[in-house]
N, C-alpha and C. Protein backbone atom coordinates (compact mmCIF):
# COMPACT_ATOMS: atom_id res chain seq x y z
N MET A 1 7.88 61.55 -141.31
CA MET A 1 8.40 62.63 -142.36
C MET A 1 7.03 62.95 -143.13
N ARG A 2 5.87 61.82 -143.48
CA ARG A 2 4.61 61.80 -143.84
C ARG A 2 3.71 62.55 -143.44
N ARG A 3 3.88 63.27 -141.98
CA ARG A 3 2.95 63.90 -141.33
C ARG A 3 2.45 65.48 -141.61
N PRO A 4 3.74 65.98 -142.25
CA PRO A 4 3.32 67.15 -143.25
C PRO A 4 2.27 67.16 -143.80
N LYS A 5 2.42 66.15 -144.99
CA LYS A 5 1.34 66.00 -146.38
C LYS A 5 0.27 65.20 -145.57
N LEU A 6 0.22 64.32 -144.71
CA LEU A 6 -1.24 63.92 -144.30
C LEU A 6 -2.11 65.08 -143.89
N LEU A 7 -1.59 66.39 -142.80
CA LEU A 7 -1.82 67.60 -142.03
C LEU A 7 -2.60 68.21 -143.04
N LYS A 8 -1.74 68.62 -144.19
CA LYS A 8 -2.12 69.18 -144.92
C LYS A 8 -3.21 68.74 -145.71
N LEU A 9 -3.44 68.00 -146.19
CA LEU A 9 -4.39 67.03 -146.97
C LEU A 9 -6.00 66.91 -146.06
N THR A 10 -5.38 66.80 -144.82
CA THR A 10 -6.80 66.53 -144.21
C THR A 10 -7.34 68.33 -144.17
N LEU A 11 -6.31 69.25 -144.12
CA LEU A 11 -7.06 70.53 -143.81
C LEU A 11 -7.84 71.06 -144.93
N GLU A 12 -6.88 70.36 -146.05
CA GLU A 12 -7.95 71.04 -147.47
C GLU A 12 -8.71 70.42 -147.65
N ASN A 13 -9.46 69.61 -147.53
CA ASN A 13 -10.18 68.54 -147.29
C ASN A 13 -11.80 69.05 -146.41
N LEU A 14 -11.30 69.78 -145.01
CA LEU A 14 -12.00 70.10 -144.41
C LEU A 14 -12.46 71.40 -144.64
N VAL A 15 -11.80 72.45 -145.60
CA VAL A 15 -12.65 73.65 -146.04
C VAL A 15 -13.10 73.31 -147.53
N SER A 16 -12.81 71.90 -148.02
CA SER A 16 -13.33 71.89 -149.37
C SER A 16 -14.64 71.74 -149.53
N LYS A 17 -15.50 72.22 -150.66
CA LYS A 17 -16.69 71.17 -150.63
C LYS A 17 -16.84 70.11 -150.80
N PRO A 18 -18.34 69.63 -150.48
CA PRO A 18 -18.64 68.14 -150.71
C PRO A 18 -18.33 67.53 -152.18
N ALA A 19 -17.72 66.33 -151.96
CA ALA A 19 -17.98 65.70 -153.54
C ALA A 19 -18.92 65.02 -154.04
N THR A 20 -20.27 64.88 -152.91
CA THR A 20 -21.44 64.32 -153.06
C THR A 20 -22.48 65.03 -153.32
N VAL A 21 -23.05 64.73 -154.48
CA VAL A 21 -24.64 65.55 -154.11
C VAL A 21 -25.81 65.29 -153.01
N GLN A 22 -26.03 66.61 -152.27
CA GLN A 22 -26.59 66.65 -151.15
C GLN A 22 -28.13 66.26 -151.17
N TYR A 23 -28.53 64.87 -151.75
CA TYR A 23 -29.79 64.62 -151.68
C TYR A 23 -30.22 64.27 -150.40
N PRO A 24 -31.40 64.58 -150.08
CA PRO A 24 -32.90 65.45 -151.01
C PRO A 24 -32.62 66.51 -151.54
N TYR A 25 -31.66 66.93 -150.19
CA TYR A 25 -31.67 68.68 -150.57
C TYR A 25 -31.44 69.52 -151.50
N GLN A 26 -30.62 68.92 -152.73
CA GLN A 26 -30.33 69.82 -153.62
C GLN A 26 -31.25 68.44 -154.79
N PRO A 27 -31.41 69.21 -155.68
CA PRO A 27 -32.44 67.93 -156.85
C PRO A 27 -30.76 67.60 -157.87
N THR A 28 -31.47 66.46 -157.96
CA THR A 28 -30.27 65.27 -159.08
C THR A 28 -30.30 65.23 -160.39
N VAL A 29 -29.54 65.75 -160.91
CA VAL A 29 -29.75 65.64 -162.66
C VAL A 29 -30.38 64.15 -163.13
N ILE A 30 -31.36 64.21 -163.73
CA ILE A 30 -32.02 63.02 -164.40
C ILE A 30 -31.38 62.79 -165.71
N GLU A 31 -30.96 62.22 -166.67
CA GLU A 31 -30.74 61.81 -167.61
C GLU A 31 -31.73 61.53 -168.61
N PRO A 32 -32.13 62.05 -170.05
CA PRO A 32 -33.63 62.13 -170.21
C PRO A 32 -33.73 60.57 -171.04
N ASP A 33 -32.78 60.16 -171.29
CA ASP A 33 -33.01 58.00 -171.29
C ASP A 33 -32.73 57.58 -170.22
N PHE A 34 -33.35 57.71 -169.07
CA PHE A 34 -33.22 57.49 -167.50
C PHE A 34 -34.51 56.23 -167.68
N ARG A 35 -33.81 55.22 -167.14
CA ARG A 35 -35.13 53.88 -167.12
C ARG A 35 -35.73 54.05 -165.42
N GLY A 36 -36.84 55.04 -165.61
CA GLY A 36 -37.59 54.64 -164.31
C GLY A 36 -39.29 54.25 -164.71
N ARG A 37 -40.05 54.81 -163.53
CA ARG A 37 -41.21 54.25 -163.03
C ARG A 37 -41.57 53.95 -164.66
N HIS A 38 -42.36 52.81 -164.66
CA HIS A 38 -43.07 52.72 -166.21
C HIS A 38 -44.71 52.44 -165.57
N TYR A 39 -45.66 52.43 -166.59
CA TYR A 39 -46.63 51.47 -166.12
C TYR A 39 -47.46 51.20 -167.64
N ALA A 40 -48.94 50.31 -167.63
CA ALA A 40 -49.19 50.25 -168.87
C ALA A 40 -50.50 51.22 -168.87
N ASP A 41 -50.93 51.76 -170.12
CA ASP A 41 -51.61 52.49 -170.66
C ASP A 41 -53.12 52.06 -170.69
N LEU A 42 -54.12 51.55 -169.83
CA LEU A 42 -54.74 50.52 -170.33
C LEU A 42 -56.11 50.42 -171.39
N SER A 43 -55.93 52.11 -171.89
CA SER A 43 -56.52 52.37 -172.95
C SER A 43 -56.09 51.52 -174.30
N LYS A 44 -54.92 51.33 -174.21
CA LYS A 44 -53.90 51.17 -175.08
C LYS A 44 -53.79 49.16 -175.49
N CYS A 45 -53.70 48.90 -173.82
CA CYS A 45 -53.33 47.37 -173.35
C CYS A 45 -54.82 46.79 -173.75
N THR A 46 -54.73 45.39 -174.57
CA THR A 46 -55.15 44.31 -174.24
C THR A 46 -55.65 43.35 -173.55
N GLY A 47 -54.51 43.49 -172.78
CA GLY A 47 -54.14 42.06 -171.87
C GLY A 47 -53.59 40.94 -172.84
N CYS A 48 -52.93 41.00 -173.43
CA CYS A 48 -52.05 39.93 -174.48
C CYS A 48 -51.52 39.56 -173.40
N SER A 49 -50.68 39.12 -172.31
CA SER A 49 -49.85 38.88 -171.45
C SER A 49 -48.38 38.96 -172.10
N LEU A 50 -47.85 39.37 -173.32
CA LEU A 50 -46.69 39.10 -173.49
C LEU A 50 -45.58 39.84 -172.55
N CYS A 51 -45.68 41.13 -171.82
CA CYS A 51 -45.27 41.73 -171.16
C CYS A 51 -44.57 40.49 -169.83
N SER A 52 -46.01 40.08 -169.83
CA SER A 52 -45.68 38.97 -168.09
C SER A 52 -44.89 37.94 -168.42
N ILE A 53 -45.05 37.32 -169.90
CA ILE A 53 -44.18 36.45 -170.10
C ILE A 53 -42.74 36.70 -170.79
N GLU A 54 -42.21 37.41 -170.73
CA GLU A 54 -41.36 38.34 -171.50
C GLU A 54 -40.06 38.32 -170.35
N CYS A 55 -40.88 39.03 -169.02
CA CYS A 55 -40.40 39.58 -167.76
C CYS A 55 -39.27 38.89 -166.98
N PRO A 56 -38.05 39.69 -167.06
CA PRO A 56 -37.37 38.26 -166.88
C PRO A 56 -36.94 37.88 -165.23
N ALA A 57 -37.63 39.14 -164.45
CA ALA A 57 -37.36 39.27 -163.08
C ALA A 57 -38.85 38.22 -162.53
N ASP A 58 -39.98 38.08 -163.64
CA ASP A 58 -41.01 37.39 -163.29
C ASP A 58 -41.90 38.50 -162.35
N THR A 59 -41.67 39.51 -162.57
CA THR A 59 -42.16 40.91 -161.70
C THR A 59 -43.58 41.49 -162.29
N ILE A 60 -43.81 41.05 -163.41
CA ILE A 60 -45.23 41.42 -163.99
C ILE A 60 -46.25 40.72 -164.20
N LYS A 61 -47.88 40.64 -162.91
CA LYS A 61 -48.63 39.90 -163.02
C LYS A 61 -49.79 39.97 -163.86
N MET A 62 -50.35 39.57 -164.46
CA MET A 62 -51.54 39.58 -164.66
C MET A 62 -52.67 40.00 -164.45
N THR A 63 -53.34 41.18 -163.87
CA THR A 63 -54.25 41.33 -162.94
C THR A 63 -55.43 42.06 -163.60
N PRO A 64 -56.93 41.05 -162.63
CA PRO A 64 -58.00 41.67 -163.45
C PRO A 64 -58.48 43.31 -162.96
N ILE A 65 -58.98 43.42 -164.02
CA ILE A 65 -59.88 45.30 -163.40
C ILE A 65 -60.74 45.26 -163.10
N PRO A 66 -60.84 46.12 -162.00
CA PRO A 66 -61.57 46.19 -160.99
C PRO A 66 -63.36 46.84 -161.89
N GLN A 67 -64.20 46.04 -161.28
CA GLN A 67 -65.60 46.02 -161.77
C GLN A 67 -65.64 47.55 -162.44
N GLU A 68 -65.69 48.62 -161.66
CA GLU A 68 -65.92 50.12 -161.46
C GLU A 68 -65.27 50.69 -162.56
N TYR A 69 -64.35 49.84 -163.23
CA TYR A 69 -63.66 50.72 -164.64
C TYR A 69 -64.26 50.54 -165.88
N GLU A 70 -64.20 51.43 -167.22
CA GLU A 70 -64.78 50.95 -168.19
C GLU A 70 -63.50 50.43 -169.10
N VAL A 71 -63.66 49.22 -169.68
CA VAL A 71 -62.35 48.60 -169.99
C VAL A 71 -63.03 48.57 -172.02
N PRO A 72 -61.80 49.19 -172.48
CA PRO A 72 -61.96 48.89 -174.19
C PRO A 72 -62.54 47.73 -174.64
N LYS A 73 -62.75 47.40 -175.30
CA LYS A 73 -63.42 46.08 -176.29
C LYS A 73 -62.15 45.75 -176.72
N SER A 74 -60.93 46.27 -177.09
CA SER A 74 -59.79 45.68 -177.18
C SER A 74 -59.49 44.51 -176.51
N ASN A 75 -59.87 44.36 -175.17
CA ASN A 75 -59.28 44.01 -173.76
C ASN A 75 -60.35 43.35 -173.42
N PRO A 76 -61.05 42.30 -174.19
CA PRO A 76 -62.39 41.24 -173.45
C PRO A 76 -62.09 40.19 -172.04
N ARG A 77 -60.64 40.10 -172.05
CA ARG A 77 -60.32 39.59 -170.89
C ARG A 77 -60.27 40.20 -169.99
N ARG A 78 -60.05 41.62 -169.81
CA ARG A 78 -60.41 42.35 -168.76
C ARG A 78 -59.20 42.35 -167.68
N LEU A 79 -57.94 42.00 -168.37
CA LEU A 79 -56.53 41.94 -167.59
C LEU A 79 -55.26 43.26 -167.88
N TYR A 80 -54.77 43.42 -166.74
CA TYR A 80 -54.35 44.44 -167.13
C TYR A 80 -52.83 43.43 -166.34
N PRO A 81 -51.29 44.70 -166.88
CA PRO A 81 -50.56 44.32 -166.24
C PRO A 81 -50.32 44.85 -164.71
N LEU A 82 -50.05 44.45 -163.87
CA LEU A 82 -49.45 45.00 -162.78
C LEU A 82 -47.95 44.12 -162.16
N ILE A 83 -47.31 45.49 -162.33
CA ILE A 83 -45.60 45.81 -162.09
C ILE A 83 -45.63 46.18 -160.67
N ASN A 84 -44.54 44.94 -159.89
CA ASN A 84 -44.30 44.99 -158.29
C ASN A 84 -42.20 45.84 -158.82
N TYR A 85 -42.80 47.33 -158.61
CA TYR A 85 -41.39 47.79 -158.31
C TYR A 85 -40.09 47.31 -157.65
N GLY A 86 -40.86 46.88 -156.52
CA GLY A 86 -39.53 46.10 -155.60
C GLY A 86 -38.42 44.96 -156.17
N ARG A 87 -39.76 44.50 -157.16
CA ARG A 87 -38.79 43.46 -157.67
C ARG A 87 -38.46 43.89 -159.01
N CYS A 88 -38.85 44.70 -159.66
CA CYS A 88 -38.09 45.31 -161.10
C CYS A 88 -36.84 45.58 -161.25
N ILE A 89 -36.21 45.31 -162.71
CA ILE A 89 -34.83 45.34 -162.89
C ILE A 89 -34.82 46.30 -163.44
N PHE A 90 -35.85 47.05 -163.99
CA PHE A 90 -35.62 48.35 -165.32
C PHE A 90 -35.02 48.04 -166.29
N CYS A 91 -35.33 46.48 -167.03
CA CYS A 91 -34.68 46.18 -168.25
C CYS A 91 -35.91 46.90 -169.41
N TYR A 92 -36.68 46.97 -169.21
CA TYR A 92 -37.57 47.67 -170.36
C TYR A 92 -38.23 46.93 -171.28
N ARG A 93 -37.87 45.68 -171.08
CA ARG A 93 -37.79 44.09 -172.25
C ARG A 93 -39.64 44.35 -172.20
N CYS A 94 -40.22 44.98 -171.30
CA CYS A 94 -41.56 44.66 -171.37
C CYS A 94 -42.13 45.67 -172.48
N ILE A 95 -41.80 46.84 -172.16
CA ILE A 95 -42.06 48.03 -173.01
C ILE A 95 -41.46 47.72 -174.60
N THR A 96 -40.24 46.91 -175.11
CA THR A 96 -39.97 46.57 -176.02
C THR A 96 -40.59 45.36 -176.16
N VAL A 97 -41.38 44.56 -176.41
CA VAL A 97 -42.27 43.73 -176.29
C VAL A 97 -43.43 43.91 -176.66
N CYS A 98 -44.09 44.83 -175.57
CA CYS A 98 -45.28 45.09 -176.20
C CYS A 98 -45.55 45.61 -177.54
N PRO A 99 -47.08 44.86 -178.67
CA PRO A 99 -46.91 45.30 -179.86
C PRO A 99 -47.89 46.25 -179.92
N PHE A 100 -48.66 46.86 -179.00
CA PHE A 100 -49.54 47.97 -178.74
C PHE A 100 -49.08 49.06 -178.57
N ASN A 101 -47.46 49.48 -177.99
CA ASN A 101 -47.25 50.68 -177.35
C ASN A 101 -47.86 51.09 -176.14
N ALA A 102 -48.27 50.54 -175.37
CA ALA A 102 -49.39 50.66 -173.82
C ALA A 102 -48.00 51.13 -172.83
N TYR A 103 -46.98 51.04 -172.59
CA TYR A 103 -46.54 51.43 -171.93
C TYR A 103 -45.99 52.73 -172.12
N VAL A 104 -46.25 53.51 -170.97
CA VAL A 104 -46.20 55.39 -170.72
C VAL A 104 -44.40 54.36 -169.78
N THR A 105 -43.30 55.74 -170.29
CA THR A 105 -41.86 55.34 -169.27
C THR A 105 -41.89 56.61 -169.12
N THR A 106 -41.61 56.90 -167.54
CA THR A 106 -41.08 58.62 -167.19
C THR A 106 -39.53 58.37 -166.16
N ASN A 107 -39.24 59.01 -165.96
CA ASN A 107 -37.95 59.47 -165.64
C ASN A 107 -37.71 59.07 -164.02
N GLU A 108 -39.32 58.94 -163.41
CA GLU A 108 -39.19 59.25 -161.96
C GLU A 108 -38.34 58.12 -161.19
N TYR A 109 -37.53 58.42 -160.55
CA TYR A 109 -36.66 57.25 -159.82
C TYR A 109 -36.52 57.25 -158.26
N ARG A 110 -38.03 58.23 -157.66
CA ARG A 110 -37.91 58.05 -156.41
C ARG A 110 -39.10 57.15 -155.53
N LEU A 111 -38.68 55.88 -155.68
CA LEU A 111 -39.58 54.72 -155.57
C LEU A 111 -39.84 54.21 -154.33
N ALA A 112 -39.03 55.01 -153.68
CA ALA A 112 -38.90 54.27 -151.75
C ALA A 112 -40.13 54.76 -150.95
N ASP A 113 -40.86 54.41 -150.79
CA ASP A 113 -42.01 54.98 -149.89
C ASP A 113 -42.35 53.33 -148.87
N THR A 114 -43.51 53.28 -147.93
CA THR A 114 -43.58 53.03 -146.96
C THR A 114 -44.83 51.82 -147.72
N ALA A 115 -45.63 52.98 -148.96
CA ALA A 115 -47.24 52.47 -148.79
C ALA A 115 -46.61 51.60 -150.12
N LYS A 116 -47.50 51.25 -150.66
CA LYS A 116 -47.40 49.45 -151.75
C LYS A 116 -47.17 49.82 -153.01
N ASN A 117 -45.96 49.57 -153.53
CA ASN A 117 -44.69 50.02 -154.17
C ASN A 117 -45.43 48.99 -155.69
N ASP A 118 -46.14 49.52 -156.58
CA ASP A 118 -47.03 48.78 -157.83
C ASP A 118 -47.65 49.72 -158.81
N SER A 119 -47.55 49.12 -159.74
CA SER A 119 -48.14 50.57 -161.00
C SER A 119 -49.66 50.78 -160.96
N SER A 120 -50.65 49.63 -159.53
CA SER A 120 -52.27 49.22 -160.01
C SER A 120 -52.16 51.26 -159.96
N GLU A 121 -52.38 51.84 -159.38
CA GLU A 121 -52.63 53.53 -159.23
C GLU A 121 -52.32 54.14 -160.59
N LEU A 122 -51.25 53.89 -161.15
CA LEU A 122 -50.83 54.22 -162.34
C LEU A 122 -51.65 54.47 -163.25
N SER A 123 -51.69 52.79 -163.35
CA SER A 123 -52.39 51.62 -164.27
C SER A 123 -53.71 52.39 -164.46
N LEU A 124 -54.22 52.22 -163.85
CA LEU A 124 -55.87 52.41 -163.42
C LEU A 124 -56.17 53.63 -163.70
N SER A 125 -55.51 54.81 -163.31
CA SER A 125 -55.46 56.39 -164.08
C SER A 125 -55.96 56.43 -165.53
N THR A 126 -55.33 55.48 -165.82
CA THR A 126 -55.76 55.91 -167.41
C THR A 126 -57.29 55.11 -167.99
N LEU A 127 -57.88 54.87 -167.31
CA LEU A 127 -59.31 53.98 -167.72
C LEU A 127 -60.28 55.13 -166.87
N LYS A 128 -61.35 55.23 -167.59
CA LYS A 128 -62.62 56.19 -166.92
C LYS A 128 -63.30 55.67 -165.90
N LYS A 129 -63.73 55.63 -164.72
CA LYS A 129 -64.48 54.73 -163.76
C LYS A 129 -66.01 55.00 -164.35
N THR A 130 -66.81 53.56 -163.88
CA THR A 130 -68.14 53.60 -164.35
C THR A 130 -68.87 54.64 -163.42
N VAL A 131 -69.97 55.30 -164.52
CA VAL A 131 -71.29 55.83 -163.67
C VAL A 131 -72.29 55.41 -163.00
N LYS A 132 -72.35 54.93 -161.82
CA LYS A 132 -73.64 54.17 -161.58
C LYS A 132 -74.52 55.37 -160.93
N GLY A 133 -75.95 55.34 -161.49
CA GLY A 133 -76.87 56.38 -160.91
C GLY A 133 -77.89 55.84 -160.40
């Protein structure tokens, strides 16, 4: 006796709109406080390593800044935090602990890529390149 109810439910579901968002064909609504990709603004970063020490996932490694970039005098060790987004749990503890407010936060959530998935390109884009003549 349950077959008529099941048949009715099946037909209703066939003609109804899908309940899921058809990503990537439709844009996804992002909350303003969504924790997305973040990186260090190296013009503010002093290379103090507090973010690396506090990271619970051990995903931030202090890396030397390449020689072709001008480094602010506030960073004498020439180090910057390199975030591996594949290991990051996006707790934002690094942002909270930074005494210089050097982190830039974004709502970017599309992180799947075949290329390297770290913050080096974004962080280094905050510095000027040296002019060699």
